[in-house]
Structures are given as structure tokens and as C-alpha cells.
């Protein structure tokens, strides 16, 4: 990612090497050569840095488990080593060394998955016991997805280097499930919805995004992101209720697609020039060659958001903050907060812009401050075993006035310190 901009040319800000939202989009994790930082996303008016590390430099990957204190880190200097921290206590719980560099990490309450270029390791997250090792085709970007909840921890990863075939694997039962022929070109991004019942995919061409049912593998939706140019899609993310899907890329436009068929009665009432043109295209497509007709029948974006400038890589997420639906986009140095209208769609107005490396955040280095507990006494944290036993909280709907699901407590791995395979 490009370096962050600061107010002084003599003191450039830390360069962000990675950014990730946690599973319920209540937290943003950033990694840089200075360490890693965790931000609370419960308030759009201010961006609260709840933790800033001081003894973990050159972070290449960082993932937080929900709102717990469990953080997984891979350092750029030692990319074969996976470190698991309890950041509230400031201690490393355990570490694990792989034979090759770690490309990506995915985790839920049941499994921790590390993706290497030619293999995937599946761990039991409660004790980090290695359950399964999968040999996979070359996957240098670590493209994979892990369902965060549901009856099965579905895992998806590329099944071929030349085409966009997706292998769906049941990480709970440790068994191969469905093979989906998703795209003609190699895969660039994969994402499950909250329940694990739908899988979104994009290829390296970046023009078409498809959504499939899981585990059946049936194609449910097909969206055209654009026609003029191929782009590098860096992120696909479902809304908590599963009704919308957003995508970000190396361009300045973020797209939001609606995953539910429109109400015919409402469409009839909306007699507009846009609907008239749509009907004309539908009629004309029957006289055109099959490839052109197929392209015209693909759905377009329901809503879009415009970034001030293109970014090499950005992460996006749809969530509910302070009872209002929001579209979040994290770039190398900034978090953009857009308003999102789930009924009308259209252009998403930018409501807030937060710099990720402000001086006041640097001053919190080495300390932990929970945004919701600035003046409250510190309460004992439940163990990770107790946290993992909790049933998954239902995701908030992007409706008129839904509330945020409460965050989880702190987590503690009960595994003994491990090093090696």
C-alpha cells in the first residue's frame, strides 16, 4: 500500500502494510513497520485507537477475533511465523512456524486458517492444534475465505491456477464439499456472508462479480462492475443481514450491489426514464449476439461511493453504526465513512474522514483503552473458552433503525506455547 501522508515532510507517517476489519465490523486493525493498531468503530464522529503496540515491528498481517483481545500477527521480517497475542495483557499466547511464508490468515470462533502459497493449514482455535493440511494450487496472494458463523465453518480457496474454479471445504467436518466453476480467469477475491450460506467471487479481470449458494454451488446473482477497464478487486464484503455486497479495488469507485430481487409492484410504480431505458435494453438484447446479450442482462451497482483518489489497495465493509447503515472504506492512511441508503441506493455521500496516523493516536502507544470504557472500572475478562461457547450474535439488518450487536468480551487461548509444525 502507498505510504501514509502526514503534515510534515520531514516526518512521514507510518506506512500501512495491511488493514482488516474484524468479523462483525466493530474494529479496524492496521499493521505497519511501527507495529499494529486497533481502532473501535462504534462511533463515526471520532476514531478511537484502543491499542497501539510497541514491541511488534514490521507487521505484515494482522487479524482480530471479533471484539475479543485475541490478535493474530505475522511480521514481514519473519513471514513463516504466526504470533497470537492477548493484547489487553500485553502477552504472546503462542506462536507457530510454517515451512513457507504465510500469505493470509482467516479465523472464526472455531477455526484458525493460514494460507500459504501451496498449502492451507487448519487449526482448532481453542488450542491451536493442527487438524488438517491441504495441498492447493499455487496461490501467492493467499486468496481464501472462511465463514464466520453457521453450522459449518466453510472454507473457500482457488482450485486451479488457470481458471476461476473455487473449492469449498467444510473446516468443521474436515471434508471436501463443493467445486464451483465461478470464472474463466483466476480468482482475485472471495467472501462468505455471515451465515456461510452464500459465497461471492471476483476474478483477476475484475469486471464481473458472482454470488453462489453454499453448499449447493448454484449461481444466484451476477453483477457487472464495469466494462471499460479491468481492475484489481481487493475486497468483497457482505452486509450483516446479507442483503447487500460491496466491493473495492485499485480505482476510486466502491460499488454496492443489492442481493434481493426488486419488488415488482414497486418497480411498476417507479415509472422513470431509467426504467424505460432498462426495458428497451431488455427488448433489444434478444436481437443481439449471445455474449452481448448476456453482458446487458447483468445487474449493475445499486449504490456507489467515490474516494478522493485511487488507491493501490483498499478494504470495504457495510455495517450499522449508531443505528444507521454505513459504508466503510479503509485505505493506506485514511478511513472513509459514507452514508448508505438501503432503500434508494445511488450515490453514497461522504460523511466522515478519519486519518489513521494522527499524533494523538501515536501518544497511546503501548497502552490499552477501550473506547466504551474511558471512565468505567476495568472488569474481569472471560476466558476464550467461555467466549467461543457463546452462540453467534445475529447480524444487524441495514434497515431504518437497527442496533449494533454487542461486542464480545476478551479471549484467552488455553493452548500451551507451541513452536513448530
Protein backbone atom coordinates (compact mmCIF):
# COMPACT_ATOMS: atom_id res chain seq x y z
CA UNK A 1 0.00 0.00 0.00
CA UNK A 2 1.14 3.55 -0.54
CA UNK A 3 2.73 5.40 2.37
CA UNK A 4 0.54 7.44 4.65
CA UNK A 5 0.68 11.22 4.33
CA UNK A 6 1.45 13.39 7.33
CA UNK A 7 1.51 17.09 7.98
CA UNK A 8 5.31 17.30 7.91
CA UNK A 9 7.54 16.35 5.01
CA UNK A 10 10.39 15.59 7.44
CA UNK A 11 8.35 13.08 9.45
CA UNK A 12 6.33 10.84 7.17
CA UNK A 13 3.74 8.76 8.95
CA UNK A 14 3.99 5.01 9.39
CA UNK A 15 3.46 3.05 6.21
CA UNK A 16 0.47 0.73 6.42
CA UNK A 17 1.24 -2.72 5.11
CA UNK A 18 -2.15 -4.28 5.94
CA UNK A 19 -5.63 -3.39 7.11
CA UNK A 20 -8.53 -5.62 8.12
CA UNK A 21 -11.99 -5.30 9.63
CA UNK A 22 -12.94 -7.87 12.25
CA UNK A 23 -15.76 -10.34 11.66
CA UNK A 24 -18.61 -8.07 12.82
CA UNK A 25 -17.04 -4.79 11.64
CA UNK A 26 -16.75 -3.30 15.11
CA UNK A 27 -12.98 -2.94 14.89
CA UNK A 28 -10.30 -1.98 12.37
CA UNK A 29 -6.79 -3.44 12.61
CA UNK A 30 -3.78 -1.79 10.94
CA UNK A 31 -0.27 -3.12 10.53
CA UNK A 32 2.84 -1.09 9.69
CA UNK A 33 6.60 -1.09 10.20
CA UNK A 34 5.93 0.50 13.63
CA UNK A 35 3.63 -2.29 14.84
CA UNK A 36 -0.13 -2.75 14.83
CA UNK A 37 -3.08 -0.65 15.96
CA UNK A 38 -6.67 -1.46 16.80
CA UNK A 39 -9.48 1.06 16.35
CA UNK A 40 -13.04 0.98 17.65
CA UNK A 41 -15.77 1.56 15.05
CA UNK A 42 -18.68 2.23 17.40
CA UNK A 43 -18.72 5.98 16.78
CA UNK A 44 -18.48 7.72 13.41
CA UNK A 45 -17.69 11.13 14.92
CA UNK A 46 -14.31 10.03 16.24
CA UNK A 47 -11.89 7.19 15.56
CA UNK A 48 -10.66 5.80 18.88
CA UNK A 49 -7.36 3.91 18.92
CA UNK A 50 -7.94 1.27 21.59
CA UNK A 51 -4.47 -0.28 21.34
CA UNK A 52 -1.10 0.54 19.81
CA UNK A 53 1.74 -1.99 20.01
CA UNK A 54 5.30 -1.01 20.86
CA UNK A 55 7.23 -4.29 20.69
CA UNK A 56 5.96 -5.88 17.45
CA UNK A 57 7.50 -4.02 14.48
CA UNK A 58 7.18 -4.71 10.76
CA UNK A 59 3.69 -6.18 10.83
CA UNK A 60 2.68 -7.70 7.51
CA UNK A 61 -0.65 -9.30 8.54
CA UNK A 62 -2.95 -8.64 11.48
CA UNK A 63 -6.39 -10.08 12.27
CA UNK A 64 -8.57 -9.59 15.35
CA UNK A 65 -11.18 -12.12 16.50
CA UNK A 66 -14.42 -10.18 16.84
CA UNK A 67 -14.08 -7.68 19.75
CA UNK A 68 -12.00 -10.03 21.86
CA UNK A 69 -8.41 -9.46 22.91
CA UNK A 70 -7.17 -12.22 20.58
CA UNK A 71 -4.98 -10.81 17.77
CA UNK A 72 -3.08 -12.81 15.15
CA UNK A 73 0.05 -11.19 13.72
CA UNK A 74 2.57 -12.12 11.01
CA UNK A 75 5.70 -9.98 10.82
CA UNK A 76 7.28 -9.06 7.49
CA UNK A 77 10.79 -9.97 8.69
CA UNK A 78 9.72 -13.50 9.68
CA UNK A 79 6.75 -14.30 7.39
CA UNK A 80 6.84 -18.01 8.29
CA UNK A 81 5.97 -17.28 11.93
CA UNK A 82 2.42 -16.77 13.19
CA UNK A 83 2.06 -14.98 16.56
CA UNK A 84 -1.07 -14.95 18.69
CA UNK A 85 -1.32 -12.13 21.25
CA UNK A 86 -3.58 -11.24 24.15
CA UNK A 87 -3.21 -7.51 23.59
CA UNK A 88 -5.03 -6.43 26.77
CA UNK A 89 -2.49 -8.31 28.87
CA UNK A 90 0.35 -7.43 26.53
CA UNK A 91 1.48 -11.05 26.24
CA UNK A 92 2.11 -13.53 23.44
CA UNK A 93 -0.02 -16.62 23.94
CA UNK A 94 1.66 -18.87 21.41
CA UNK A 95 3.39 -18.92 18.04
CA UNK A 96 3.59 -21.33 15.16
CA UNK A 97 6.21 -21.74 12.43
CA UNK A 98 5.33 -22.89 8.89
CA UNK A 99 7.67 -24.17 6.18
CA UNK A 100 6.90 -21.19 3.90
CA UNK A 101 5.68 -17.59 4.28
CA UNK A 102 2.09 -17.01 5.37
CA UNK A 103 0.05 -15.28 2.65
CA UNK A 104 -3.20 -14.74 4.57
CA UNK A 105 -4.98 -15.62 7.81
CA UNK A 106 -8.67 -16.23 8.46
CA UNK A 107 -10.34 -17.04 11.78
CA UNK A 108 -13.68 -17.58 13.45
CA UNK A 109 -14.73 -18.94 16.84
CA UNK A 110 -13.94 -22.50 15.79
CA UNK A 111 -11.05 -22.47 13.34
CA UNK A 112 -7.88 -20.56 12.51
CA UNK A 113 -6.79 -20.97 8.87
CA UNK A 114 -3.42 -19.95 7.47
CA UNK A 115 -2.97 -19.86 3.72
CA UNK A 116 0.48 -20.41 2.23
CA UNK A 117 1.21 -20.30 -1.49
CA UNK A 118 0.86 -24.07 -1.97
CA UNK A 119 -0.93 -25.23 1.19
CA UNK A 120 -3.65 -24.41 3.70
CA UNK A 121 -3.34 -25.20 7.42
CA UNK A 122 -6.48 -25.63 9.54
CA UNK A 123 -6.13 -25.26 13.33
CA UNK A 124 -8.53 -25.69 16.22
CA UNK A 125 -8.51 -22.15 17.53
CA UNK A 126 -9.03 -23.12 21.18
CA UNK A 127 -5.68 -24.91 21.48
CA UNK A 128 -4.01 -24.25 18.07
CA UNK A 129 -3.87 -27.99 17.39
CA UNK A 130 -3.22 -28.65 13.71
CA UNK A 131 -6.25 -30.52 12.36
CA UNK A 132 -5.61 -30.66 8.63
CA UNK A 133 -3.12 -29.63 5.95
CA UNK A 134 -4.42 -29.16 2.41
CA UNK A 135 -2.21 -29.09 -0.66
CA UNK A 136 -3.56 -26.45 -3.06
CA UNK A 137 -2.61 -24.98 -6.46
CA UNK A 138 -0.28 -22.00 -6.49
CA UNK A 139 -1.98 -19.14 -4.63
CA UNK A 140 0.68 -16.45 -4.00
CA UNK A 141 -1.85 -13.80 -2.97
CA UNK A 142 -3.47 -16.05 -0.36
CA UNK A 143 -6.97 -15.74 -1.82
CA UNK A 144 -9.35 -17.54 0.53
CA UNK A 145 -12.46 -17.02 2.67
CA UNK A 146 -13.74 -18.53 5.92
CA UNK A 147 -17.36 -18.37 7.03
CA UNK A 148 -17.54 -16.58 10.38
CA UNK A 149 -20.59 -18.41 11.76
CA UNK A 150 -23.17 -21.01 10.91
CA UNK A 151 -23.43 -24.75 11.36
CA UNK A 152 -20.25 -25.35 9.33
CA UNK A 153 -17.02 -23.42 9.04
CA UNK A 154 -16.94 -23.34 5.27
CA UNK A 155 -13.58 -22.53 3.72
CA UNK A 156 -13.17 -21.42 0.08
CA UNK A 157 -9.94 -21.25 -1.92
CA UNK A 158 -8.83 -21.42 -5.59
CA UNK A 159 -8.96 -24.91 -7.07
CA UNK A 160 -6.99 -24.05 -10.22
CA UNK A 161 -4.29 -21.62 -11.32
CA UNK A 162 -5.61 -21.05 -14.85
CA UNK A 163 -9.35 -20.63 -14.23
CA UNK A 164 -11.61 -19.27 -11.50
CA UNK A 165 -12.72 -22.60 -10.01
CA UNK A 166 -13.48 -22.44 -6.28
CA UNK A 167 -13.11 -25.33 -3.86
CA UNK A 168 -15.49 -25.20 -0.90
CA UNK A 169 -14.20 -27.18 2.10
CA UNK A 170 -16.01 -27.96 5.36
CA UNK A 171 -13.46 -26.94 8.01
CA UNK A 172 -15.68 -28.29 10.80
CA UNK A 173 -16.08 -31.82 9.41
CA UNK A 174 -12.68 -31.62 7.66
CA UNK A 175 -14.14 -32.82 4.38
CA UNK A 176 -14.21 -31.58 0.78
CA UNK A 177 -17.57 -30.19 -0.24
CA UNK A 178 -18.39 -28.37 -3.48
CA UNK A 179 -16.37 -27.38 -6.55
CA UNK A 180 -17.74 -24.21 -8.17
CA UNK A 181 -16.82 -23.05 -11.67
CA UNK A 182 -17.06 -19.37 -10.85
CA UNK A 183 -14.98 -17.56 -13.52
CA UNK A 184 -12.91 -18.12 -16.64
CA UNK A 185 -9.98 -16.12 -15.22
CA UNK A 186 -8.05 -16.85 -11.98
CA UNK A 187 -9.64 -15.68 -8.74
CA UNK A 188 -8.85 -12.35 -7.07
CA UNK A 189 -11.30 -12.22 -4.13
CA UNK A 190 -13.67 -14.46 -2.18
CA UNK A 191 -16.09 -13.73 0.66
CA UNK A 192 -18.82 -15.55 2.62
CA UNK A 193 -21.88 -13.90 4.08
CA UNK A 194 -22.33 -14.05 7.86
CA UNK A 195 -24.26 -17.33 7.88
CA UNK A 196 -21.97 -19.03 5.36
CA UNK A 197 -24.87 -19.73 3.00
CA UNK A 198 -23.58 -17.52 0.17
CA UNK A 199 -20.18 -17.06 -1.44
CA UNK A 200 -19.14 -14.03 -3.52
CA UNK A 201 -16.28 -14.23 -6.01
CA UNK A 202 -14.36 -12.00 -8.39
CA UNK A 203 -11.68 -12.83 -10.93
CA UNK A 204 -8.46 -11.03 -11.79
CA UNK A 205 -10.23 -9.26 -14.66
CA UNK A 206 -12.46 -7.60 -12.07
CA UNK A 207 -15.40 -6.89 -14.38
CA UNK A 208 -17.92 -9.46 -13.10
CA UNK A 209 -18.85 -10.40 -9.53
CA UNK A 210 -20.87 -13.54 -8.88
CA UNK A 211 -22.70 -14.90 -5.83
CA UNK A 212 -23.32 -18.63 -5.27
CA UNK A 213 -25.32 -20.67 -2.79
CA UNK A 214 -23.37 -22.81 -0.32
CA UNK A 215 -23.00 -25.75 -0.26
CA UNK A 216 -25.09 -26.28 -3.43
CA UNK A 217 -22.88 -24.10 -5.63
CA UNK A 218 -25.81 -22.65 -7.57
CA UNK A 219 -25.26 -19.24 -9.16
CA UNK A 220 -27.69 -16.78 -7.57
CA UNK A 221 -26.55 -13.35 -8.74
CA UNK A 222 -24.25 -11.86 -11.34
CA UNK A 223 -23.13 -8.24 -11.30
CA UNK A 224 -21.09 -6.22 -13.77
CA UNK A 225 -18.72 -3.87 -12.00
CA UNK A 226 -17.63 -2.19 -15.22
CA UNK A 227 -16.95 -2.67 -18.92
CA UNK A 228 -14.24 -0.17 -19.92
CA UNK A 229 -11.28 -1.49 -17.94
CA UNK A 230 -10.09 -4.42 -15.89
CA UNK A 231 -9.34 -3.66 -12.24
CA UNK A 232 -7.77 -5.38 -9.26
CA UNK A 233 -10.60 -6.12 -6.83
CA UNK A 234 -9.07 -6.17 -3.35
CA UNK A 235 -12.14 -6.76 -1.18
CA UNK A 236 -15.64 -8.25 -1.28
CA UNK A 237 -17.82 -7.89 1.79
CA UNK A 238 -21.45 -8.75 2.60
CA UNK A 239 -23.66 -6.58 4.79
CA UNK A 240 -24.53 -8.11 8.20
CA UNK A 241 -28.03 -9.03 7.02
CA UNK A 242 -26.72 -10.48 3.73
CA UNK A 243 -28.88 -8.23 1.56
CA UNK A 244 -26.01 -6.24 0.06
CA UNK A 245 -22.48 -6.84 -1.20
CA UNK A 246 -19.77 -4.18 -1.53
CA UNK A 247 -16.54 -4.31 -3.48
CA UNK A 248 -13.43 -2.14 -3.57
CA UNK A 249 -10.49 -2.13 -5.95
CA UNK A 250 -7.50 -0.09 -7.06
CA UNK A 251 -9.83 2.54 -8.52
CA UNK A 252 -11.58 5.42 -6.77
CA UNK A 253 -15.07 3.86 -7.00
CA UNK A 254 -16.57 1.48 -4.43
CA UNK A 255 -19.64 -0.48 -5.59
CA UNK A 256 -22.59 -1.79 -3.59
CA UNK A 257 -24.84 -4.48 -5.11
CA UNK A 258 -28.31 -5.48 -3.92
CA UNK A 259 -28.76 -9.22 -3.45
CA UNK A 260 -32.53 -9.40 -3.31
CA UNK A 261 -34.74 -9.24 -6.42
CA UNK A 262 -36.67 -5.94 -6.57
CA UNK A 263 -40.34 -5.90 -5.64
CA UNK A 264 -42.31 -5.98 -8.95
CA UNK A 265 -45.09 -3.82 -7.51
CA UNK A 266 -42.61 -1.12 -6.52
CA UNK A 267 -40.87 -1.28 -9.87
CA UNK A 268 -44.17 -0.69 -11.68
CA UNK A 269 -44.81 2.40 -9.57
CA UNK A 270 -41.41 3.84 -10.40
CA UNK A 271 -42.11 4.96 -13.97
CA UNK A 272 -38.96 6.81 -14.88
CA UNK A 273 -36.62 7.37 -17.79
CA UNK A 274 -34.17 4.90 -16.22
CA UNK A 275 -36.74 2.12 -16.05
CA UNK A 276 -37.87 2.87 -19.61
CA UNK A 277 -34.31 2.59 -20.91
CA UNK A 278 -33.90 -0.64 -18.96
CA UNK A 279 -36.94 -2.14 -20.65
CA UNK A 280 -35.66 -1.06 -24.06
CA UNK A 281 -32.30 -2.73 -23.37
CA UNK A 282 -34.12 -5.87 -22.32
CA UNK A 283 -36.07 -5.99 -25.57
CA UNK A 284 -33.03 -5.15 -27.69
CA UNK A 285 -30.88 -7.82 -26.04
CA UNK A 286 -32.99 -10.56 -27.64
CA UNK A 287 -31.73 -9.45 -31.08
CA UNK A 288 -28.05 -9.21 -30.15
CA UNK A 289 -25.30 -11.87 -30.14
CA UNK A 290 -25.31 -14.09 -27.06
CA UNK A 291 -22.19 -12.61 -25.36
CA UNK A 292 -23.51 -9.05 -25.75
CA UNK A 293 -27.00 -10.05 -24.62
CA UNK A 294 -25.55 -11.78 -21.55
CA UNK A 295 -23.49 -8.70 -20.66
CA UNK A 296 -26.55 -6.43 -20.91
CA UNK A 297 -28.61 -8.72 -18.68
CA UNK A 298 -26.14 -8.48 -15.81
CA UNK A 299 -27.20 -6.28 -12.91
CA UNK A 300 -25.35 -3.03 -12.21
CA UNK A 301 -24.39 -1.46 -8.92
CA UNK A 302 -27.24 -0.45 -6.60
CA UNK A 303 -25.06 2.24 -4.99
CA UNK A 304 -21.56 3.71 -5.40
CA UNK A 305 -19.12 5.69 -3.31
CA UNK A 306 -16.34 7.86 -4.65
CA UNK A 307 -12.94 8.08 -2.97
CA UNK A 308 -10.92 11.29 -3.34
CA UNK A 309 -8.19 9.38 -5.19
CA UNK A 310 -7.44 5.86 -6.42
CA UNK A 311 -5.65 3.53 -4.02
CA UNK A 312 -3.42 0.56 -4.66
CA UNK A 313 -5.49 -1.48 -2.21
CA UNK A 314 -8.48 -0.69 -0.01
CA UNK A 315 -10.79 -2.65 2.28
CA UNK A 316 -14.55 -2.04 2.41
CA UNK A 317 -17.39 -3.11 4.71
CA UNK A 318 -21.09 -2.45 5.20
CA UNK A 319 -22.19 -2.11 8.81
CA UNK A 320 -24.53 -0.31 11.21
CA UNK A 321 -23.06 2.41 13.43
CA UNK A 322 -25.20 4.40 15.84
CA UNK A 323 -28.32 2.79 14.34
CA UNK A 324 -27.58 3.99 10.81
CA UNK A 325 -26.22 1.97 7.85
CA UNK A 326 -22.71 2.94 6.82
CA UNK A 327 -20.20 2.04 4.14
CA UNK A 328 -16.62 1.99 5.47
CA UNK A 329 -13.53 2.13 3.25
CA UNK A 330 -10.03 1.84 4.73
CA UNK A 331 -7.07 2.92 2.60
CA UNK A 332 -3.37 3.19 3.37
CA UNK A 333 -3.80 6.19 5.64
CA UNK A 334 -7.49 7.07 5.92
CA UNK A 335 -10.83 5.61 6.98
CA UNK A 336 -13.72 6.97 4.92
CA UNK A 337 -17.26 6.75 6.30
CA UNK A 338 -20.08 7.00 3.76
CA UNK A 339 -23.81 7.21 4.39
CA UNK A 340 -25.76 4.43 2.69
CA UNK A 341 -29.47 4.37 1.83
CA UNK A 342 -30.62 0.71 1.68
CA UNK A 343 -33.95 1.73 0.14
CA UNK A 344 -32.88 4.11 -2.65
CA UNK A 345 -29.17 3.36 -3.20
CA UNK A 346 -27.50 5.78 -5.60
CA UNK A 347 -24.50 7.95 -4.72
CA UNK A 348 -23.27 7.44 -1.15
CA UNK A 349 -22.31 10.81 0.37
CA UNK A 350 -19.08 11.03 2.35
CA UNK A 351 -19.95 11.83 5.97
CA UNK A 352 -16.66 11.49 7.86
CA UNK A 353 -12.94 11.19 7.11
CA UNK A 354 -10.53 9.89 9.76
CA UNK A 355 -6.75 9.95 9.45
CA UNK A 356 -5.28 6.72 10.79
CA UNK A 357 -1.95 8.12 11.99
CA UNK A 358 -2.79 11.25 13.93
CA UNK A 359 -0.43 12.43 16.64
CA UNK A 360 -2.96 11.87 19.41
CA UNK A 361 -3.15 8.21 18.42
CA UNK A 362 0.64 7.85 18.47
CA UNK A 363 0.64 9.04 22.07
CA UNK A 364 -1.41 5.99 23.12
CA UNK A 365 1.40 3.63 22.13
CA UNK A 366 1.81 0.68 24.46
CA UNK A 367 -1.45 1.18 26.34
CA UNK A 368 -4.92 -0.26 26.04
CA UNK A 369 -8.00 1.95 26.18
CA UNK A 370 -11.44 0.61 25.33
CA UNK A 371 -13.49 3.32 23.66
CA UNK A 372 -16.62 2.43 25.62
CA UNK A 373 -14.75 2.31 28.96
CA UNK A 374 -12.89 5.62 29.22
CA UNK A 375 -14.08 6.25 32.76
CA UNK A 376 -15.53 2.89 33.77
CA UNK A 377 -13.67 0.46 36.06
CA UNK A 378 -11.94 -2.47 34.42
CA UNK A 379 -13.98 -5.64 34.69
CA UNK A 380 -12.59 -9.19 34.64
CA UNK A 381 -12.34 -10.67 31.14
CA UNK A 382 -13.96 -14.05 30.44
CA UNK A 383 -11.76 -16.82 29.14
CA UNK A 384 -11.61 -17.56 25.44
CA UNK A 385 -13.20 -20.98 26.00
CA UNK A 386 -16.23 -19.25 27.51
CA UNK A 387 -16.34 -16.70 24.71
CA UNK A 388 -16.13 -19.32 21.98
CA UNK A 389 -19.01 -21.25 23.55
CA UNK A 390 -21.38 -18.32 23.09
CA UNK A 391 -23.88 -18.65 20.22
CA UNK A 392 -23.17 -16.34 17.27
CA UNK A 393 -24.87 -12.97 17.65
CA UNK A 394 -27.33 -12.19 14.82
CA UNK A 395 -26.06 -9.55 12.45
CA UNK A 396 -27.89 -6.21 12.38
CA UNK A 397 -30.06 -5.51 9.37
CA UNK A 398 -29.38 -2.49 7.19
CA UNK A 399 -32.88 -1.18 7.74
CA UNK A 400 -34.25 2.13 9.01
CA UNK A 401 -33.25 1.80 12.68
CA UNK A 402 -31.38 -1.41 13.58
CA UNK A 403 -28.96 -1.51 16.51
CA UNK A 404 -25.44 -2.80 16.74
CA UNK A 405 -24.84 -6.28 18.01
CA UNK A 406 -22.95 -6.16 21.34
CA UNK A 407 -19.22 -6.88 21.22
CA UNK A 408 -17.68 -9.94 22.74
CA UNK A 409 -15.54 -9.97 25.84
CA UNK A 410 -11.84 -10.67 25.98
CA UNK A 411 -10.46 -14.00 24.88
CA UNK A 412 -7.69 -16.19 26.23
CA UNK A 413 -6.24 -19.13 24.34
CA UNK A 414 -5.84 -22.15 26.58
CA UNK A 415 -3.17 -23.79 24.44
CA UNK A 416 0.35 -24.38 25.71
CA UNK A 417 3.06 -22.40 23.98
CA UNK A 418 3.79 -24.12 20.67
CA UNK A 419 6.60 -23.67 18.18
CA UNK A 420 6.94 -25.84 15.09
CA UNK A 421 4.68 -27.94 12.93
